[in-house]
N, C-alpha and C. Protein backbone atom coordinates (compact mmCIF):
# COMPACT_ATOMS: atom_id res chain seq x y z
N MET A 1 32.55 2.14 -24.55
CA MET A 1 31.28 2.69 -24.05
C MET A 1 30.50 1.58 -23.35
N SER A 2 30.09 1.83 -22.11
CA SER A 2 29.40 0.80 -21.34
C SER A 2 27.98 0.62 -21.85
N GLN A 3 27.50 -0.61 -21.76
CA GLN A 3 26.15 -0.92 -22.18
C GLN A 3 25.16 -0.54 -21.08
N PRO A 4 23.97 -0.07 -21.44
CA PRO A 4 22.98 0.23 -20.41
C PRO A 4 22.59 -1.02 -19.65
N VAL A 5 22.31 -0.85 -18.36
CA VAL A 5 21.93 -1.98 -17.52
C VAL A 5 20.55 -2.47 -17.92
N LYS A 6 20.43 -3.76 -18.13
CA LYS A 6 19.13 -4.35 -18.44
C LYS A 6 18.30 -4.44 -17.17
N ARG A 7 17.11 -3.90 -17.22
CA ARG A 7 16.23 -3.93 -16.06
C ARG A 7 15.50 -5.26 -16.01
N THR A 8 15.83 -6.07 -15.03
CA THR A 8 15.24 -7.41 -14.96
C THR A 8 14.32 -7.60 -13.76
N ALA A 9 14.17 -6.57 -12.94
CA ALA A 9 13.32 -6.67 -11.75
C ALA A 9 12.86 -5.27 -11.37
N ALA A 10 11.90 -5.20 -10.46
CA ALA A 10 11.39 -3.91 -10.04
C ALA A 10 11.03 -3.92 -8.56
N VAL A 11 11.28 -2.77 -7.92
CA VAL A 11 10.85 -2.54 -6.54
C VAL A 11 9.95 -1.30 -6.55
N ILE A 12 8.73 -1.45 -6.07
CA ILE A 12 7.78 -0.34 -5.99
C ILE A 12 7.57 -0.05 -4.51
N PHE A 13 8.05 1.11 -4.05
CA PHE A 13 8.07 1.41 -2.61
C PHE A 13 7.24 2.67 -2.33
N SER A 14 6.29 2.55 -1.41
CA SER A 14 5.35 3.63 -1.10
C SER A 14 5.65 4.27 0.26
N HIS A 15 5.64 5.59 0.28
CA HIS A 15 5.94 6.36 1.49
C HIS A 15 4.79 6.31 2.49
N GLY A 16 5.02 6.91 3.65
CA GLY A 16 4.01 6.95 4.70
C GLY A 16 3.18 8.22 4.66
N LEU A 17 2.28 8.35 5.63
CA LEU A 17 1.36 9.48 5.71
C LEU A 17 2.11 10.81 5.81
N GLY A 18 1.71 11.78 4.96
CA GLY A 18 2.29 13.10 5.01
C GLY A 18 3.68 13.22 4.42
N ASP A 19 4.20 12.13 3.92
CA ASP A 19 5.53 12.13 3.32
C ASP A 19 5.38 12.18 1.80
N SER A 20 6.47 11.94 1.10
CA SER A 20 6.44 11.91 -0.36
C SER A 20 7.56 11.01 -0.84
N SER A 21 7.59 10.76 -2.13
CA SER A 21 8.67 9.94 -2.69
C SER A 21 10.03 10.57 -2.42
N ALA A 22 10.07 11.92 -2.38
CA ALA A 22 11.34 12.60 -2.13
C ALA A 22 11.90 12.24 -0.76
N GLY A 23 11.02 11.96 0.19
CA GLY A 23 11.46 11.59 1.53
C GLY A 23 12.18 10.27 1.59
N TRP A 24 12.04 9.47 0.55
CA TRP A 24 12.70 8.17 0.48
C TRP A 24 13.71 8.10 -0.65
N SER A 25 14.16 9.27 -1.12
CA SER A 25 15.14 9.29 -2.20
C SER A 25 16.44 8.62 -1.78
N PHE A 26 16.75 8.67 -0.48
CA PHE A 26 17.97 8.02 0.01
C PHE A 26 17.91 6.52 -0.21
N LEU A 27 16.71 5.94 -0.06
CA LEU A 27 16.57 4.50 -0.28
C LEU A 27 16.69 4.17 -1.76
N ALA A 28 16.14 5.04 -2.59
CA ALA A 28 16.27 4.84 -4.04
C ALA A 28 17.73 4.83 -4.45
N GLU A 29 18.51 5.75 -3.87
CA GLU A 29 19.94 5.82 -4.18
C GLU A 29 20.66 4.59 -3.64
N GLN A 30 20.30 4.18 -2.42
CA GLN A 30 20.95 3.02 -1.80
C GLN A 30 20.67 1.76 -2.61
N LEU A 31 19.43 1.56 -2.99
CA LEU A 31 19.09 0.37 -3.76
C LEU A 31 19.69 0.42 -5.15
N GLY A 32 19.62 1.60 -5.76
CA GLY A 32 20.12 1.74 -7.12
C GLY A 32 21.61 1.52 -7.24
N SER A 33 22.34 1.77 -6.14
CA SER A 33 23.79 1.62 -6.19
C SER A 33 24.23 0.17 -6.18
N VAL A 34 23.40 -0.71 -5.64
CA VAL A 34 23.79 -2.12 -5.55
C VAL A 34 22.85 -3.06 -6.31
N LEU A 35 21.67 -2.58 -6.63
CA LEU A 35 20.68 -3.42 -7.29
C LEU A 35 20.17 -2.71 -8.54
N PRO A 36 20.66 -3.10 -9.70
CA PRO A 36 20.33 -2.39 -10.95
C PRO A 36 18.93 -2.72 -11.46
N TRP A 37 17.92 -2.24 -10.75
CA TRP A 37 16.56 -2.55 -11.12
C TRP A 37 15.78 -1.29 -11.45
N VAL A 38 14.55 -1.48 -11.84
CA VAL A 38 13.62 -0.37 -11.93
C VAL A 38 13.08 -0.12 -10.52
N ASN A 39 13.43 1.00 -9.94
CA ASN A 39 12.95 1.33 -8.61
C ASN A 39 11.93 2.46 -8.72
N CYS A 40 10.71 2.18 -8.33
CA CYS A 40 9.60 3.12 -8.49
C CYS A 40 9.13 3.59 -7.11
N PHE A 41 9.10 4.91 -6.91
CA PHE A 41 8.67 5.48 -5.64
C PHE A 41 7.49 6.42 -5.90
N PRO A 42 6.26 5.90 -5.87
CA PRO A 42 5.08 6.71 -6.20
C PRO A 42 4.71 7.69 -5.09
N ASP A 43 3.91 8.68 -5.45
CA ASP A 43 3.41 9.67 -4.50
C ASP A 43 1.92 9.45 -4.27
N ALA A 44 1.52 9.50 -3.00
CA ALA A 44 0.10 9.40 -2.66
C ALA A 44 -0.61 10.69 -3.03
N PRO A 45 -1.92 10.64 -3.26
CA PRO A 45 -2.68 11.86 -3.56
C PRO A 45 -2.82 12.75 -2.33
N LEU A 46 -3.07 14.02 -2.57
CA LEU A 46 -3.31 14.98 -1.50
C LEU A 46 -4.79 14.91 -1.13
N GLN A 47 -5.07 14.61 0.15
CA GLN A 47 -6.46 14.47 0.56
C GLN A 47 -6.60 14.72 2.07
N PRO A 48 -7.82 15.05 2.53
CA PRO A 48 -8.03 15.30 3.96
C PRO A 48 -7.81 14.02 4.78
N VAL A 49 -7.24 14.19 5.96
CA VAL A 49 -7.01 13.06 6.86
C VAL A 49 -7.73 13.34 8.17
N THR A 50 -8.70 12.50 8.48
CA THR A 50 -9.54 12.70 9.67
C THR A 50 -8.71 12.76 10.94
N LEU A 51 -7.72 11.88 11.06
CA LEU A 51 -6.89 11.83 12.26
C LEU A 51 -6.20 13.16 12.53
N ASN A 52 -5.89 13.89 11.47
CA ASN A 52 -5.21 15.18 11.59
C ASN A 52 -6.18 16.34 11.39
N MET A 53 -7.39 16.18 11.94
CA MET A 53 -8.42 17.22 11.95
C MET A 53 -8.79 17.69 10.55
N GLY A 54 -8.75 16.76 9.60
CA GLY A 54 -9.18 17.07 8.25
C GLY A 54 -8.16 17.81 7.40
N ALA A 55 -6.97 18.01 7.93
CA ALA A 55 -5.94 18.70 7.15
C ALA A 55 -5.57 17.87 5.93
N LYS A 56 -5.32 18.56 4.81
CA LYS A 56 -4.94 17.86 3.60
C LYS A 56 -3.45 17.53 3.61
N MET A 57 -3.13 16.32 3.25
CA MET A 57 -1.75 15.88 3.15
C MET A 57 -1.69 14.67 2.23
N GLN A 58 -0.48 14.32 1.83
CA GLN A 58 -0.34 13.15 0.97
C GLN A 58 -0.66 11.91 1.79
N SER A 59 -1.64 11.16 1.32
CA SER A 59 -2.13 10.01 2.09
C SER A 59 -2.69 8.96 1.14
N TRP A 60 -2.37 7.70 1.41
CA TRP A 60 -2.88 6.61 0.59
C TRP A 60 -4.32 6.27 0.92
N PHE A 61 -4.76 6.62 2.12
CA PHE A 61 -6.14 6.42 2.53
C PHE A 61 -6.38 7.23 3.79
N ASP A 62 -7.64 7.49 4.09
CA ASP A 62 -7.96 8.25 5.30
C ASP A 62 -7.69 7.40 6.53
N ILE A 63 -7.23 8.03 7.59
CA ILE A 63 -7.00 7.35 8.86
C ILE A 63 -7.93 7.96 9.90
N LEU A 64 -8.80 7.13 10.44
CA LEU A 64 -9.82 7.59 11.38
C LEU A 64 -9.39 7.45 12.82
N GLY A 65 -8.34 6.67 13.07
CA GLY A 65 -7.84 6.48 14.43
C GLY A 65 -6.62 5.59 14.42
N LEU A 66 -5.86 5.63 15.50
CA LEU A 66 -4.64 4.82 15.60
C LEU A 66 -4.83 3.66 16.57
N ARG A 67 -5.96 2.99 16.45
CA ARG A 67 -6.21 1.79 17.24
C ARG A 67 -6.50 0.64 16.28
N PRO A 68 -6.15 -0.55 16.65
CA PRO A 68 -6.45 -1.70 15.78
C PRO A 68 -7.93 -1.85 15.46
N ASP A 69 -8.81 -1.36 16.37
CA ASP A 69 -10.25 -1.51 16.15
C ASP A 69 -10.90 -0.26 15.57
N ALA A 70 -10.10 0.70 15.13
CA ALA A 70 -10.64 1.93 14.56
C ALA A 70 -11.29 1.64 13.20
N PRO A 71 -12.34 2.38 12.83
CA PRO A 71 -12.95 2.21 11.51
C PRO A 71 -11.91 2.42 10.41
N GLU A 72 -12.10 1.75 9.27
CA GLU A 72 -11.14 1.84 8.18
C GLU A 72 -11.76 2.45 6.93
N ASP A 73 -10.95 3.12 6.17
CA ASP A 73 -11.36 3.73 4.91
C ASP A 73 -11.21 2.69 3.80
N GLU A 74 -12.19 1.79 3.72
CA GLU A 74 -12.10 0.70 2.75
C GLU A 74 -11.99 1.21 1.32
N LYS A 75 -12.78 2.21 0.97
CA LYS A 75 -12.75 2.74 -0.39
C LYS A 75 -11.37 3.28 -0.73
N GLY A 76 -10.80 4.07 0.18
CA GLY A 76 -9.47 4.63 -0.07
C GLY A 76 -8.40 3.56 -0.15
N LEU A 77 -8.51 2.55 0.70
CA LEU A 77 -7.55 1.45 0.68
C LEU A 77 -7.58 0.74 -0.67
N LEU A 78 -8.77 0.40 -1.13
CA LEU A 78 -8.88 -0.36 -2.38
C LEU A 78 -8.49 0.49 -3.59
N GLU A 79 -8.75 1.80 -3.52
CA GLU A 79 -8.32 2.67 -4.62
C GLU A 79 -6.80 2.72 -4.70
N SER A 80 -6.14 2.77 -3.55
CA SER A 80 -4.68 2.81 -3.55
C SER A 80 -4.09 1.47 -3.98
N VAL A 81 -4.75 0.38 -3.62
CA VAL A 81 -4.30 -0.93 -4.11
C VAL A 81 -4.35 -0.95 -5.63
N LYS A 82 -5.41 -0.40 -6.21
CA LYS A 82 -5.51 -0.33 -7.67
C LYS A 82 -4.36 0.49 -8.26
N THR A 83 -4.00 1.58 -7.57
CA THR A 83 -2.91 2.42 -8.04
C THR A 83 -1.60 1.65 -8.08
N ILE A 84 -1.29 0.95 -6.99
CA ILE A 84 -0.04 0.19 -6.93
C ILE A 84 -0.08 -0.99 -7.90
N GLN A 85 -1.23 -1.65 -7.99
CA GLN A 85 -1.35 -2.77 -8.93
C GLN A 85 -1.15 -2.30 -10.36
N SER A 86 -1.60 -1.08 -10.68
CA SER A 86 -1.40 -0.56 -12.03
C SER A 86 0.08 -0.35 -12.32
N LEU A 87 0.85 0.02 -11.30
CA LEU A 87 2.30 0.16 -11.47
C LEU A 87 2.95 -1.20 -11.69
N VAL A 88 2.46 -2.20 -10.97
CA VAL A 88 2.94 -3.58 -11.18
C VAL A 88 2.64 -4.00 -12.61
N ASP A 89 1.42 -3.73 -13.06
CA ASP A 89 1.02 -4.12 -14.41
C ASP A 89 1.90 -3.45 -15.47
N LYS A 90 2.27 -2.19 -15.24
CA LYS A 90 3.13 -1.49 -16.20
C LYS A 90 4.49 -2.16 -16.31
N GLN A 91 5.03 -2.62 -15.17
CA GLN A 91 6.31 -3.31 -15.20
C GLN A 91 6.19 -4.65 -15.95
N ILE A 92 5.08 -5.34 -15.73
CA ILE A 92 4.85 -6.60 -16.44
C ILE A 92 4.75 -6.36 -17.94
N GLN A 93 4.04 -5.29 -18.32
CA GLN A 93 3.91 -4.95 -19.74
C GLN A 93 5.25 -4.56 -20.35
N ALA A 94 6.16 -4.06 -19.51
CA ALA A 94 7.49 -3.68 -19.99
C ALA A 94 8.42 -4.88 -20.10
N GLY A 95 7.93 -6.06 -19.72
CA GLY A 95 8.71 -7.27 -19.89
C GLY A 95 9.30 -7.86 -18.63
N ILE A 96 8.98 -7.28 -17.47
CA ILE A 96 9.48 -7.82 -16.20
C ILE A 96 8.45 -8.80 -15.65
N PRO A 97 8.82 -10.05 -15.40
CA PRO A 97 7.86 -11.03 -14.87
C PRO A 97 7.36 -10.60 -13.49
N SER A 98 6.12 -10.94 -13.19
CA SER A 98 5.57 -10.57 -11.88
C SER A 98 6.39 -11.17 -10.74
N GLU A 99 7.00 -12.33 -10.99
CA GLU A 99 7.82 -13.00 -9.97
C GLU A 99 9.13 -12.26 -9.70
N ARG A 100 9.37 -11.18 -10.47
CA ARG A 100 10.58 -10.36 -10.27
C ARG A 100 10.20 -8.95 -9.82
N ILE A 101 9.03 -8.84 -9.21
CA ILE A 101 8.55 -7.54 -8.74
C ILE A 101 8.24 -7.61 -7.24
N VAL A 102 8.80 -6.67 -6.49
CA VAL A 102 8.52 -6.53 -5.06
C VAL A 102 7.78 -5.22 -4.84
N VAL A 103 6.72 -5.27 -4.05
CA VAL A 103 6.07 -4.04 -3.61
C VAL A 103 6.38 -3.88 -2.12
N GLY A 104 6.54 -2.63 -1.71
CA GLY A 104 6.88 -2.39 -0.32
C GLY A 104 6.54 -0.98 0.09
N GLY A 105 6.70 -0.70 1.37
CA GLY A 105 6.42 0.64 1.83
C GLY A 105 6.64 0.79 3.32
N PHE A 106 6.56 2.04 3.75
CA PHE A 106 6.74 2.39 5.16
C PHE A 106 5.41 2.86 5.74
N SER A 107 5.05 2.34 6.92
CA SER A 107 3.86 2.76 7.66
C SER A 107 2.60 2.60 6.81
N GLN A 108 1.96 3.70 6.46
CA GLN A 108 0.76 3.63 5.63
C GLN A 108 1.07 2.99 4.27
N GLY A 109 2.25 3.29 3.74
CA GLY A 109 2.67 2.68 2.48
C GLY A 109 2.89 1.18 2.62
N GLY A 110 3.34 0.76 3.80
CA GLY A 110 3.50 -0.66 4.06
C GLY A 110 2.15 -1.37 4.12
N ALA A 111 1.17 -0.70 4.72
CA ALA A 111 -0.18 -1.27 4.80
C ALA A 111 -0.76 -1.50 3.40
N ILE A 112 -0.57 -0.52 2.52
CA ILE A 112 -1.06 -0.64 1.14
C ILE A 112 -0.31 -1.75 0.42
N SER A 113 0.98 -1.87 0.67
CA SER A 113 1.78 -2.88 -0.02
C SER A 113 1.38 -4.29 0.38
N ILE A 114 1.14 -4.51 1.68
CA ILE A 114 0.69 -5.83 2.14
C ILE A 114 -0.64 -6.19 1.49
N LEU A 115 -1.56 -5.24 1.47
CA LEU A 115 -2.87 -5.48 0.88
C LEU A 115 -2.74 -5.77 -0.62
N THR A 116 -1.89 -5.02 -1.30
CA THR A 116 -1.66 -5.24 -2.73
C THR A 116 -1.10 -6.63 -2.98
N GLY A 117 -0.12 -7.03 -2.17
CA GLY A 117 0.48 -8.35 -2.34
C GLY A 117 -0.52 -9.47 -2.13
N LEU A 118 -1.37 -9.32 -1.11
CA LEU A 118 -2.36 -10.36 -0.82
C LEU A 118 -3.43 -10.44 -1.91
N MET A 119 -3.76 -9.31 -2.52
CA MET A 119 -4.82 -9.27 -3.52
C MET A 119 -4.32 -9.48 -4.94
N SER A 120 -3.03 -9.48 -5.13
CA SER A 120 -2.47 -9.54 -6.48
C SER A 120 -2.96 -10.75 -7.28
N PRO A 121 -3.38 -10.53 -8.53
CA PRO A 121 -3.79 -11.66 -9.37
C PRO A 121 -2.61 -12.46 -9.90
N SER A 122 -1.41 -11.88 -9.79
CA SER A 122 -0.19 -12.55 -10.27
C SER A 122 0.75 -12.80 -9.10
N PRO A 123 1.56 -13.86 -9.16
CA PRO A 123 2.52 -14.11 -8.07
C PRO A 123 3.64 -13.07 -8.08
N LEU A 124 3.88 -12.44 -6.95
CA LEU A 124 4.94 -11.44 -6.82
C LEU A 124 6.16 -12.04 -6.16
N ALA A 125 7.30 -11.36 -6.31
CA ALA A 125 8.52 -11.82 -5.64
C ALA A 125 8.40 -11.65 -4.13
N GLY A 126 7.62 -10.67 -3.71
CA GLY A 126 7.44 -10.47 -2.28
C GLY A 126 6.92 -9.10 -1.94
N VAL A 127 6.72 -8.89 -0.64
CA VAL A 127 6.27 -7.61 -0.10
C VAL A 127 7.19 -7.24 1.06
N ALA A 128 7.61 -5.98 1.10
CA ALA A 128 8.42 -5.46 2.20
C ALA A 128 7.60 -4.43 2.96
N CYS A 129 7.36 -4.68 4.22
CA CYS A 129 6.54 -3.80 5.05
C CYS A 129 7.38 -3.29 6.21
N LEU A 130 7.62 -1.99 6.26
CA LEU A 130 8.38 -1.38 7.35
C LEU A 130 7.43 -0.57 8.23
N SER A 131 7.35 -0.94 9.49
CA SER A 131 6.51 -0.23 10.47
C SER A 131 5.06 -0.11 9.98
N GLY A 132 4.55 -1.18 9.39
CA GLY A 132 3.21 -1.15 8.83
C GLY A 132 2.20 -1.93 9.64
N PHE A 133 1.05 -2.17 9.02
CA PHE A 133 -0.04 -2.86 9.71
C PHE A 133 -0.98 -3.46 8.66
N LEU A 134 -1.68 -4.50 9.06
CA LEU A 134 -2.62 -5.17 8.16
C LEU A 134 -4.00 -4.54 8.29
N THR A 135 -4.63 -4.28 7.16
CA THR A 135 -5.96 -3.68 7.14
C THR A 135 -6.98 -4.67 6.58
N LEU A 136 -8.25 -4.32 6.74
CA LEU A 136 -9.37 -5.10 6.19
C LEU A 136 -9.31 -6.58 6.59
N LYS A 137 -8.97 -6.82 7.85
CA LYS A 137 -8.87 -8.21 8.31
C LYS A 137 -10.19 -8.97 8.17
N ASP A 138 -11.32 -8.27 8.33
CA ASP A 138 -12.62 -8.94 8.27
C ASP A 138 -12.98 -9.36 6.85
N LYS A 139 -12.31 -8.76 5.86
CA LYS A 139 -12.67 -9.04 4.46
C LYS A 139 -11.54 -9.64 3.64
N ILE A 140 -10.34 -9.71 4.20
CA ILE A 140 -9.19 -10.08 3.39
C ILE A 140 -9.30 -11.49 2.82
N LYS A 141 -9.96 -12.38 3.53
CA LYS A 141 -10.08 -13.75 3.00
C LYS A 141 -10.92 -13.78 1.73
N GLN A 142 -11.87 -12.85 1.62
CA GLN A 142 -12.68 -12.76 0.41
C GLN A 142 -11.95 -11.98 -0.69
N LEU A 143 -11.07 -11.07 -0.28
CA LEU A 143 -10.37 -10.21 -1.24
C LEU A 143 -9.08 -10.81 -1.77
N GLN A 144 -8.49 -11.74 -1.02
CA GLN A 144 -7.16 -12.23 -1.39
C GLN A 144 -7.16 -12.92 -2.74
N GLY A 145 -6.01 -12.81 -3.41
CA GLY A 145 -5.83 -13.43 -4.71
C GLY A 145 -5.40 -14.88 -4.61
N PRO A 146 -5.19 -15.53 -5.75
CA PRO A 146 -4.89 -16.96 -5.77
C PRO A 146 -3.50 -17.33 -5.26
N HIS A 147 -2.63 -16.33 -5.11
CA HIS A 147 -1.25 -16.62 -4.71
C HIS A 147 -0.92 -16.10 -3.31
N ALA A 148 -1.93 -15.67 -2.56
CA ALA A 148 -1.70 -15.02 -1.27
C ALA A 148 -0.91 -15.88 -0.30
N SER A 149 -1.25 -17.14 -0.18
CA SER A 149 -0.60 -17.98 0.83
C SER A 149 0.87 -18.25 0.51
N GLN A 150 1.28 -18.05 -0.75
CA GLN A 150 2.67 -18.26 -1.13
C GLN A 150 3.51 -16.99 -1.05
N LEU A 151 2.90 -15.89 -0.62
CA LEU A 151 3.58 -14.61 -0.61
C LEU A 151 4.76 -14.60 0.36
N ASN A 152 5.90 -14.09 -0.11
CA ASN A 152 7.07 -13.88 0.74
C ASN A 152 7.02 -12.46 1.30
N VAL A 153 7.23 -12.33 2.60
CA VAL A 153 7.10 -11.02 3.25
C VAL A 153 8.32 -10.73 4.13
N PHE A 154 8.86 -9.52 3.98
CA PHE A 154 9.83 -8.98 4.94
C PHE A 154 9.08 -7.93 5.74
N TRP A 155 9.05 -8.10 7.07
CA TRP A 155 8.33 -7.16 7.94
C TRP A 155 9.29 -6.70 9.03
N GLY A 156 9.59 -5.42 9.03
CA GLY A 156 10.44 -4.84 10.06
C GLY A 156 9.66 -3.87 10.92
N HIS A 157 9.89 -3.91 12.24
CA HIS A 157 9.13 -3.05 13.14
C HIS A 157 9.95 -2.72 14.38
N GLY A 158 9.96 -1.45 14.75
CA GLY A 158 10.66 -1.02 15.96
C GLY A 158 9.85 -1.30 17.21
N THR A 159 10.50 -1.77 18.26
CA THR A 159 9.77 -2.12 19.48
C THR A 159 9.28 -0.89 20.25
N SER A 160 9.83 0.29 19.94
CA SER A 160 9.42 1.51 20.65
C SER A 160 8.61 2.45 19.75
N ASP A 161 8.00 1.91 18.72
CA ASP A 161 7.21 2.71 17.79
C ASP A 161 5.97 3.28 18.50
N PRO A 162 5.86 4.62 18.63
CA PRO A 162 4.71 5.21 19.31
C PRO A 162 3.53 5.49 18.38
N VAL A 163 3.73 5.34 17.08
CA VAL A 163 2.69 5.65 16.10
C VAL A 163 1.95 4.39 15.67
N VAL A 164 2.66 3.48 15.01
CA VAL A 164 2.12 2.16 14.71
C VAL A 164 2.78 1.22 15.72
N GLN A 165 2.12 0.95 16.81
CA GLN A 165 2.73 0.23 17.91
C GLN A 165 3.23 -1.15 17.49
N TYR A 166 4.32 -1.54 18.12
CA TYR A 166 4.96 -2.83 17.80
C TYR A 166 3.96 -3.99 17.88
N GLN A 167 3.12 -3.96 18.90
CA GLN A 167 2.14 -5.04 19.08
C GLN A 167 1.17 -5.11 17.90
N TRP A 168 0.85 -3.97 17.34
CA TRP A 168 -0.03 -3.92 16.18
C TRP A 168 0.64 -4.64 14.99
N GLY A 169 1.92 -4.37 14.82
CA GLY A 169 2.66 -5.04 13.75
C GLY A 169 2.78 -6.53 13.98
N SER A 170 3.13 -6.92 15.21
CA SER A 170 3.33 -8.34 15.49
C SER A 170 2.02 -9.12 15.37
N LYS A 171 0.91 -8.50 15.78
CA LYS A 171 -0.38 -9.17 15.64
C LYS A 171 -0.80 -9.29 14.17
N SER A 172 -0.39 -8.31 13.37
CA SER A 172 -0.65 -8.39 11.93
C SER A 172 0.09 -9.57 11.33
N VAL A 173 1.33 -9.76 11.75
CA VAL A 173 2.13 -10.89 11.27
C VAL A 173 1.50 -12.21 11.72
N ASP A 174 1.04 -12.25 12.97
CA ASP A 174 0.37 -13.47 13.46
C ASP A 174 -0.85 -13.80 12.60
N PHE A 175 -1.58 -12.78 12.21
CA PHE A 175 -2.77 -12.99 11.38
C PHE A 175 -2.38 -13.56 10.02
N LEU A 176 -1.32 -13.01 9.43
CA LEU A 176 -0.85 -13.52 8.14
C LEU A 176 -0.51 -15.00 8.24
N ARG A 177 0.15 -15.36 9.32
CA ARG A 177 0.59 -16.75 9.48
C ARG A 177 -0.56 -17.69 9.86
N GLU A 178 -1.34 -17.27 10.84
CA GLU A 178 -2.34 -18.17 11.42
C GLU A 178 -3.67 -18.18 10.68
N GLU A 179 -4.08 -17.04 10.17
CA GLU A 179 -5.39 -16.96 9.51
C GLU A 179 -5.31 -17.11 8.00
N LEU A 180 -4.21 -16.63 7.41
CA LEU A 180 -4.09 -16.68 5.95
C LEU A 180 -3.11 -17.76 5.48
N GLY A 181 -2.41 -18.39 6.42
CA GLY A 181 -1.56 -19.51 6.06
C GLY A 181 -0.24 -19.16 5.41
N LEU A 182 0.23 -17.92 5.57
CA LEU A 182 1.52 -17.55 5.00
C LEU A 182 2.64 -18.20 5.81
N THR A 183 3.57 -18.85 5.13
CA THR A 183 4.67 -19.54 5.80
C THR A 183 6.02 -18.88 5.56
N ASN A 184 6.04 -17.84 4.73
CA ASN A 184 7.31 -17.18 4.39
C ASN A 184 7.30 -15.71 4.82
N VAL A 185 7.05 -15.49 6.11
CA VAL A 185 7.05 -14.14 6.66
C VAL A 185 8.28 -13.99 7.55
N ASP A 186 9.18 -13.11 7.16
CA ASP A 186 10.41 -12.84 7.91
C ASP A 186 10.17 -11.59 8.76
N PHE A 187 9.85 -11.79 10.04
CA PHE A 187 9.53 -10.68 10.94
C PHE A 187 10.76 -10.28 11.73
N LYS A 188 11.17 -9.02 11.57
CA LYS A 188 12.36 -8.51 12.24
C LYS A 188 11.95 -7.45 13.28
N SER A 189 12.42 -7.62 14.50
CA SER A 189 12.19 -6.65 15.57
C SER A 189 13.45 -5.83 15.77
N TYR A 190 13.26 -4.51 15.99
CA TYR A 190 14.40 -3.62 16.19
C TYR A 190 14.25 -2.91 17.53
N PRO A 191 15.01 -3.37 18.55
CA PRO A 191 14.90 -2.80 19.89
C PRO A 191 15.12 -1.29 19.91
N ASP A 192 14.25 -0.60 20.62
CA ASP A 192 14.34 0.85 20.85
C ASP A 192 14.08 1.70 19.61
N LEU A 193 13.82 1.10 18.48
CA LEU A 193 13.55 1.88 17.26
C LEU A 193 12.14 2.46 17.34
N VAL A 194 12.02 3.75 17.04
CA VAL A 194 10.71 4.41 17.03
C VAL A 194 10.10 4.28 15.63
N HIS A 195 9.27 5.24 15.24
CA HIS A 195 8.58 5.13 13.94
C HIS A 195 9.49 5.64 12.83
N SER A 196 10.45 4.82 12.50
CA SER A 196 11.41 5.16 11.45
C SER A 196 12.11 3.88 11.01
N ALA A 197 13.00 4.03 10.05
CA ALA A 197 13.78 2.88 9.57
C ALA A 197 15.23 3.06 10.00
N SER A 198 15.82 2.02 10.55
CA SER A 198 17.20 2.09 11.03
C SER A 198 18.16 1.59 9.96
N PRO A 199 19.45 1.95 10.07
CA PRO A 199 20.44 1.43 9.13
C PRO A 199 20.47 -0.10 9.08
N LEU A 200 20.32 -0.75 10.25
CA LEU A 200 20.32 -2.21 10.28
C LEU A 200 19.11 -2.75 9.51
N GLU A 201 17.96 -2.14 9.73
CA GLU A 201 16.76 -2.58 9.04
C GLU A 201 16.92 -2.46 7.52
N LEU A 202 17.46 -1.34 7.06
CA LEU A 202 17.63 -1.14 5.63
C LEU A 202 18.68 -2.09 5.06
N LYS A 203 19.69 -2.41 5.85
CA LYS A 203 20.68 -3.40 5.42
C LYS A 203 20.03 -4.76 5.25
N GLN A 204 19.23 -5.15 6.24
CA GLN A 204 18.57 -6.46 6.17
C GLN A 204 17.50 -6.48 5.08
N LEU A 205 16.87 -5.35 4.82
CA LEU A 205 15.93 -5.26 3.71
C LEU A 205 16.65 -5.49 2.39
N SER A 206 17.80 -4.85 2.22
CA SER A 206 18.58 -5.03 0.98
C SER A 206 19.00 -6.48 0.80
N GLU A 207 19.40 -7.12 1.90
CA GLU A 207 19.79 -8.53 1.83
C GLU A 207 18.61 -9.41 1.44
N TRP A 208 17.45 -9.12 2.01
CA TRP A 208 16.25 -9.88 1.67
C TRP A 208 15.89 -9.67 0.20
N LEU A 209 15.99 -8.43 -0.27
CA LEU A 209 15.69 -8.15 -1.67
C LEU A 209 16.59 -8.94 -2.60
N LEU A 210 17.84 -9.07 -2.24
CA LEU A 210 18.77 -9.84 -3.08
C LEU A 210 18.39 -11.31 -3.13
N THR A 211 17.83 -11.83 -2.05
CA THR A 211 17.40 -13.24 -2.08
C THR A 211 16.14 -13.41 -2.92
N ARG A 212 15.28 -12.40 -2.92
CA ARG A 212 14.04 -12.48 -3.69
C ARG A 212 14.25 -12.09 -5.15
N LEU A 213 15.20 -11.19 -5.38
CA LEU A 213 15.46 -10.70 -6.74
C LEU A 213 16.94 -10.81 -7.06
N PRO A 214 17.47 -12.01 -7.13
CA PRO A 214 18.90 -12.15 -7.42
C PRO A 214 19.24 -11.58 -8.79
N ASN A 215 20.45 -11.03 -8.89
CA ASN A 215 20.88 -10.46 -10.17
C ASN A 215 20.90 -11.52 -11.26
N GLN A 216 20.48 -11.12 -12.44
CA GLN A 216 20.46 -12.03 -13.58
C GLN A 216 21.36 -11.51 -14.69
């Protein structure tokens, strides 16, 4: 009789606007088949989204516009950071060191993950952001935690993304490096990729995860 796999690390991955954890079940299966960790895929609350004429959908925070200078839902952003941080805390309480926990997400989920990583009171293994963007730039220096500058980041972005434009992602990465002093940001560009994740991107994400969370 085989022994149960000991869970020594965790990946907490958040979906994008209007999606759900079920939409990323394929990634849970892919990661679970090669990386025997606790893989957590939370669901955002159902709430009105201004960008979509107030229609209710699963969303980590309200989106008022798709421009870098659009107003931001600071309250919603910080509430979602608390939600993800509480999941991190549960893994720590279960015996997994914070240095063996990665938070990540796609699009809106990626934005929340980057913010969570920067604000975390404990050092994390890293943050994976797919087609995401940095929020609260005017306040992040006051909000960031003590380990922000040491954060390891995997950032993947398609050059043909019509939703979260590639330039928005690349400028977010520049801000992390130049304004916040992050030196371990692995920025991957995917030619012709739109607002989605490609097989190559997911392969490189898995490889990065193995470097941050090697099997023990």
